[in-house]
PDB file of N, CA and C in Angstrom:
ATOM      1  N   MET A   1      62.366  36.990  72.843  1.00  0.00           N
ATOM      2  CA  MET A   1      62.953  37.442  74.203  1.00  0.00           C
ATOM      3  C   MET A   1      63.932  36.451  74.671  1.00  0.00           C
ATOM      4  N   SER A   2      65.091  36.977  75.105  1.00  0.00           N
ATOM      5  CA  SER A   2      66.106  36.132  75.519  1.00  0.00           C
ATOM      6  C   SER A   2      65.753  35.518  76.913  1.00  0.00           C
ATOM      7  N   MET A   3      66.393  34.422  77.292  1.00  0.00           N
ATOM      8  CA  MET A   3      66.083  33.865  78.606  1.00  0.00           C
ATOM      9  C   MET A   3      66.364  34.831  79.745  1.00  0.00           C
ATOM     10  N   GLN A   4      67.461  35.550  79.634  1.00  0.00           N
ATOM     11  CA  GLN A   4      67.887  36.501  80.704  1.00  0.00           C
ATOM     12  C   GLN A   4      66.883  37.600  80.856  1.00  0.00           C
ATOM     13  N   SER A   5      66.343  38.110  79.780  1.00  0.00           N
ATOM     14  CA  SER A   5      65.400  39.185  79.861  1.00  0.00           C
ATOM     15  C   SER A   5      64.070  38.664  80.406  1.00  0.00           C
ATOM     16  N   HIS A   6      63.675  37.446  79.999  1.00  0.00           N
ATOM     17  CA  HIS A   6      62.515  36.799  80.551  1.00  0.00           C
ATOM     18  C   HIS A   6      62.653  36.617  82.039  1.00  0.00           C
ATOM     19  N   LEU A   7      63.826  36.155  82.485  1.00  0.00           N
ATOM     20  CA  LEU A   7      64.067  35.949  83.921  1.00  0.00           C
ATOM     21  C   LEU A   7      63.986  37.279  84.694  1.00  0.00           C
ATOM     22  N   ALA A   8      64.595  38.273  84.133  1.00  0.00           N
ATOM     23  CA  ALA A   8      64.549  39.659  84.700  1.00  0.00           C
ATOM     24  C   ALA A   8      63.105  40.114  84.872  1.00  0.00           C
ATOM     25  N   GLU A   9      62.275  39.885  83.817  1.00  0.00           N
ATOM     26  CA  GLU A   9      60.885  40.324  83.875  1.00  0.00           C
ATOM     27  C   GLU A   9      60.148  39.569  84.945  1.00  0.00           C
ATOM     28  N   LEU A  10      60.378  38.266  85.080  1.00  0.00           N
ATOM     29  CA  LEU A  10      59.744  37.511  86.125  1.00  0.00           C
ATOM     30  C   LEU A  10      60.159  37.967  87.512  1.00  0.00           C
ATOM     31  N   GLU A  11      61.386  38.243  87.640  1.00  0.00           N
ATOM     32  CA  GLU A  11      61.921  38.749  89.036  1.00  0.00           C
ATOM     33  C   GLU A  11      61.252  40.085  89.298  1.00  0.00           C
ATOM     34  N   LYS A  12      61.088  40.938  88.285  1.00  0.00           N
ATOM     35  CA  LYS A  12      60.438  42.236  88.566  1.00  0.00           C
ATOM     36  C   LYS A  12      58.990  42.075  88.927  1.00  0.00           C
ATOM     37  N   LYS A  13      58.281  41.127  88.367  1.00  0.00           N
ATOM     38  CA  LYS A  13      56.971  40.867  88.694  1.00  0.00           C
ATOM     39  C   LYS A  13      56.820  40.246  90.095  1.00  0.00           C
ATOM     40  N   HIS A  14      57.798  39.434  90.481  1.00  0.00           N
ATOM     41  CA  HIS A  14      57.851  38.823  91.763  1.00  0.00           C
ATOM     42  C   HIS A  14      58.022  39.905  92.899  1.00  0.00           C
ATOM     43  N   ARG A  15      58.959  40.815  92.594  1.00  0.00           N
ATOM     44  CA  ARG A  15      59.208  41.953  93.613  1.00  0.00           C
ATOM     45  C   ARG A  15      57.913  42.786  93.697  1.00  0.00           C
ATOM     46  N   ALA A  16      57.262  43.076  92.573  1.00  0.00           N
ATOM     47  CA  ALA A  16      56.055  43.855  92.643  1.00  0.00           C
ATOM     48  C   ALA A  16      54.937  43.209  93.413  1.00  0.00           C
ATOM     49  N   LEU A  17      54.797  41.876  93.236  1.00  0.00           N
ATOM     50  CA  LEU A  17      53.863  41.202  94.040  1.00  0.00           C
ATOM     51  C   LEU A  17      54.177  41.188  95.560  1.00  0.00           C
ATOM     52  N   ALA A  18      55.435  41.045  95.848  1.00  0.00           N
ATOM     53  CA  ALA A  18      55.929  41.068  97.234  1.00  0.00           C
ATOM     54  C   ALA A  18      55.496  42.471  97.828  1.00  0.00           C
ATOM     55  N   ASP A  19      55.672  43.524  97.103  1.00  0.00           N
ATOM     56  CA  ASP A  19      55.411  44.910  97.582  1.00  0.00           C
ATOM     57  C   ASP A  19      53.920  44.998  97.749  1.00  0.00           C
ATOM     58  N   GLN A  20      53.113  44.495  96.792  1.00  0.00           N
ATOM     59  CA  GLN A  20      51.668  44.569  96.916  1.00  0.00           C
ATOM     60  C   GLN A  20      51.122  43.826  98.071  1.00  0.00           C
ATOM     61  N   ILE A  21      51.757  42.626  98.375  1.00  0.00           N
ATOM     62  CA  ILE A  21      51.313  41.832  99.503  1.00  0.00           C
ATOM     63  C   ILE A  21      51.607  42.568 100.845  1.00  0.00           C
ATOM     64  N   SER A  22      52.775  43.244 100.883  1.00  0.00           N
ATOM     65  CA  SER A  22      53.067  44.002 102.067  1.00  0.00           C
ATOM     66  C   SER A  22      52.184  45.179 102.241  1.00  0.00           C
ATOM     67  N   ASP A  23      51.834  45.819 101.186  1.00  0.00           N
ATOM     68  CA  ASP A  23      50.840  46.905 101.265  1.00  0.00           C
ATOM     69  C   ASP A  23      49.532  46.418 101.746  1.00  0.00           C
ATOM     70  N   CYS A  24      49.100  45.274 101.230  1.00  0.00           N
ATOM     71  CA  CYS A  24      47.682  44.786 101.601  1.00  0.00           C
ATOM     72  C   CYS A  24      47.721  44.342 103.105  1.00  0.00           C
ATOM     73  N   GLN A  25      48.824  43.737 103.574  1.00  0.00           N
ATOM     74  CA  GLN A  25      48.880  43.271 104.908  1.00  0.00           C
ATOM     75  C   GLN A  25      48.966  44.483 105.941  1.00  0.00           C
ATOM     76  N   ALA A  26      49.407  45.562 105.427  1.00  0.00           N
ATOM     77  CA  ALA A  26      49.460  46.773 106.244  1.00  0.00           C
ATOM     78  C   ALA A  26      48.080  47.445 106.533  1.00  0.00           C
ATOM     79  N   HIS A  27      47.050  47.028 105.768  1.00  0.00           N
ATOM     80  CA  HIS A  27      45.755  47.570 105.866  1.00  0.00           C
ATOM     81  C   HIS A  27      44.774  46.510 106.341  1.00  0.00           C
ATOM     82  N   PRO A  28      44.213  46.625 107.594  1.00  0.00           N
ATOM     83  CA  PRO A  28      43.342  45.573 108.064  1.00  0.00           C
ATOM     84  C   PRO A  28      42.084  45.329 107.369  1.00  0.00           C
ATOM     85  N   ALA A  29      41.722  46.267 106.488  1.00  0.00           N
ATOM     86  CA  ALA A  29      40.434  46.111 105.792  1.00  0.00           C
ATOM     87  C   ALA A  29      40.603  45.249 104.517  1.00  0.00           C
ATOM     88  N   VAL A  30      41.729  44.768 104.149  1.00  0.00           N
ATOM     89  CA  VAL A  30      41.931  44.053 102.992  1.00  0.00           C
ATOM     90  C   VAL A  30      41.441  42.612 103.081  1.00  0.00           C
ATOM     91  N   ASP A  31      40.802  42.165 102.009  1.00  0.00           N
ATOM     92  CA  ASP A  31      40.249  40.832 101.939  1.00  0.00           C
ATOM     93  C   ASP A  31      41.392  39.783 102.038  1.00  0.00           C
ATOM     94  N   ASP A  32      41.223  38.802 102.964  1.00  0.00           N
ATOM     95  CA  ASP A  32      42.274  37.793 103.139  1.00  0.00           C
ATOM     96  C   ASP A  32      42.366  36.961 101.889  1.00  0.00           C
ATOM     97  N   LEU A  33      41.263  36.716 101.145  1.00  0.00           N
ATOM     98  CA  LEU A  33      41.386  35.976  99.958  1.00  0.00           C
ATOM     99  C   LEU A  33      42.241  36.652  98.835  1.00  0.00           C
ATOM    100  N   GLU A  34      42.167  37.956  98.883  1.00  0.00           N
ATOM    101  CA  GLU A  34      43.058  38.689  97.882  1.00  0.00           C
ATOM    102  C   GLU A  34      44.522  38.485  98.229  1.00  0.00           C
ATOM    103  N   VAL A  35      44.861  38.538  99.564  1.00  0.00           N
ATOM    104  CA  VAL A  35      46.240  38.217  99.964  1.00  0.00           C
ATOM    105  C   VAL A  35      46.646  36.879  99.657  1.00  0.00           C
ATOM    106  N   VAL A  36      45.766  35.865  99.802  1.00  0.00           N
ATOM    107  CA  VAL A  36      46.110  34.424  99.462  1.00  0.00           C
ATOM    108  C   VAL A  36      46.369  34.337  97.999  1.00  0.00           C
ATOM    109  N   GLU A  37      45.589  34.956  97.203  1.00  0.00           N
ATOM    110  CA  GLU A  37      45.702  34.924  95.726  1.00  0.00           C
ATOM    111  C   GLU A  37      47.043  35.567  95.268  1.00  0.00           C
ATOM    112  N   LEU A  38      47.389  36.726  95.940  1.00  0.00           N
ATOM    113  CA  LEU A  38      48.664  37.380  95.577  1.00  0.00           C
ATOM    114  C   LEU A  38      49.820  36.450  95.940  1.00  0.00           C
ATOM    115  N   LYS A  39      49.741  35.802  97.063  1.00  0.00           N
ATOM    116  CA  LYS A  39      50.787  34.893  97.544  1.00  0.00           C
ATOM    117  C   LYS A  39      50.948  33.723  96.627  1.00  0.00           C
ATOM    118  N   ARG A  40      49.794  33.204  96.166  1.00  0.00           N
ATOM    119  CA  ARG A  40      49.807  32.142  95.205  1.00  0.00           C
ATOM    120  C   ARG A  40      50.495  32.426  93.911  1.00  0.00           C
ATOM    121  N   ARG A  41      50.094  33.632  93.421  1.00  0.00           N
ATOM    122  CA  ARG A  41      50.769  34.181  92.169  1.00  0.00           C
ATOM    123  C   ARG A  41      52.302  34.308  92.368  1.00  0.00           C
ATOM    124  N   LYS A  42      52.632  34.869  93.455  1.00  0.00           N
ATOM    125  CA  LYS A  42      54.090  35.082  93.793  1.00  0.00           C
ATOM    126  C   LYS A  42      54.843  33.724  93.857  1.00  0.00           C
ATOM    127  N   LEU A  43      54.208  32.806  94.493  1.00  0.00           N
ATOM    128  CA  LEU A  43      54.837  31.424  94.560  1.00  0.00           C
ATOM    129  C   LEU A  43      55.006  30.799  93.173  1.00  0.00           C
ATOM    130  N   LEU A  44      54.004  30.962  92.326  1.00  0.00           N
ATOM    131  CA  LEU A  44      54.063  30.445  90.938  1.00  0.00           C
ATOM    132  C   LEU A  44      55.228  31.127  90.197  1.00  0.00           C
ATOM    133  N   LEU A  45      55.355  32.416  90.404  1.00  0.00           N
ATOM    134  CA  LEU A  45      56.469  33.062  89.713  1.00  0.00           C
ATOM    135  C   LEU A  45      57.804  32.683  90.198  1.00  0.00           C
ATOM    136  N   LYS A  46      57.904  32.426  91.603  1.00  0.00           N
ATOM    137  CA  LYS A  46      59.157  31.913  92.164  1.00  0.00           C
ATOM    138  C   LYS A  46      59.539  30.551  91.619  1.00  0.00           C
ATOM    139  N   ASP A  47      58.509  29.673  91.467  1.00  0.00           N
ATOM    140  CA  ASP A  47      58.715  28.332  90.910  1.00  0.00           C
ATOM    141  C   ASP A  47      59.224  28.430  89.451  1.00  0.00           C
ATOM    142  N   GLU A  48      58.623  29.349  88.661  1.00  0.00           N
ATOM    143  CA  GLU A  48      59.075  29.506  87.332  1.00  0.00           C
ATOM    144  C   GLU A  48      60.554  30.050  87.240  1.00  0.00           C
ATOM    145  N   ILE A  49      60.846  30.973  88.159  1.00  0.00           N
ATOM    146  CA  ILE A  49      62.175  31.535  88.153  1.00  0.00           C
ATOM    147  C   ILE A  49      63.148  30.471  88.467  1.00  0.00           C
ATOM    148  N   GLU A  50      62.880  29.696  89.411  1.00  0.00           N
ATOM    149  CA  GLU A  50      63.769  28.576  89.854  1.00  0.00           C
ATOM    150  C   GLU A  50      64.005  27.465  88.730  1.00  0.00           C
ATOM    151  N   ARG A  51      62.827  27.294  88.071  1.00  0.00           N
ATOM    152  CA  ARG A  51      62.916  26.251  86.961  1.00  0.00           C
ATOM    153  C   ARG A  51      63.841  26.774  85.856  1.00  0.00           C
ATOM    154  N   ILE A  52      63.698  28.049  85.546  1.00  0.00           N
ATOM    155  CA  ILE A  52      64.489  28.657  84.518  1.00  0.00           C
ATOM    156  C   ILE A  52      65.997  28.646  84.895  1.00  0.00           C
ATOM    157  N   ARG A  53      66.271  28.985  86.139  1.00  0.00           N
ATOM    158  CA  ARG A  53      67.612  28.994  86.609  1.00  0.00           C
ATOM    159  C   ARG A  53      68.205  27.620  86.594  1.00  0.00           C
ATOM    160  N   HIS A  54      67.415  26.581  87.035  1.00  0.00           N
ATOM    161  CA  HIS A  54      67.935  25.221  86.981  1.00  0.00           C
ATOM    162  C   HIS A  54      68.176  24.838  85.569  1.00  0.00           C
ATOM    163  N   THR A  55      67.314  25.146  84.660  1.00  0.00           N
ATOM    164  CA  THR A  55      67.493  24.831  83.258  1.00  0.00           C
ATOM    165  C   THR A  55      68.755  25.442  82.633  1.00  0.00           C
ATOM    166  N   GLU A  56      69.006  26.707  83.010  1.00  0.00           N
ATOM    167  CA  GLU A  56      70.227  27.378  82.509  1.00  0.00           C
ATOM    168  C   GLU A  56      71.418  26.761  83.126  1.00  0.00           C
ATOM    169  N   ASN A  57      71.376  26.363  84.346  1.00  0.00           N
ATOM    170  CA  ASN A  57      72.563  25.746  85.012  1.00  0.00           C
ATOM    171  C   ASN A  57      72.852  24.376  84.375  1.00  0.00           C
ATOM    172  N   ASP A  58      71.807  23.614  84.066  1.00  0.00           N
ATOM    173  CA  ASP A  58      71.994  22.345  83.384  1.00  0.00           C
ATOM    174  C   ASP A  58      72.602  22.527  81.965  1.00  0.00           C
ATOM    175  N   SER A  59      72.250  23.586  81.289  1.00  0.00           N
ATOM    176  CA  SER A  59      72.692  23.775  79.954  1.00  0.00           C
ATOM    177  C   SER A  59      74.159  24.289  79.919  1.00  0.00           C
ATOM    178  N   VAL A  60      74.573  24.917  81.054  1.00  0.00           N
ATOM    179  CA  VAL A  60      75.968  25.393  81.129  1.00  0.00           C
ATOM    180  C   VAL A  60      76.847  24.309  81.413  1.00  0.00           C
ATOM    181  N   HIS A  61      76.504  23.282  82.202  1.00  0.00           N
ATOM    182  CA  HIS A  61      77.362  22.199  82.599  1.00  0.00           C
ATOM    183  C   HIS A  61      77.265  21.025  81.641  1.00  0.00           C
TER     184      HIS A  61
END
């Protein structure tokens, strides 16, 4: 898998988690721990995306 396709897949997962978090927060019966876990996973994806982008920028320069 190329780095660009991997990055695109991570961004897709990040957007899906953002949508899932929004859906959960719209329903008052949702478990707060579930929302916290989704946010944690989203943050981990964001960190990985940024790490990859930083690595790509370093290799270009």
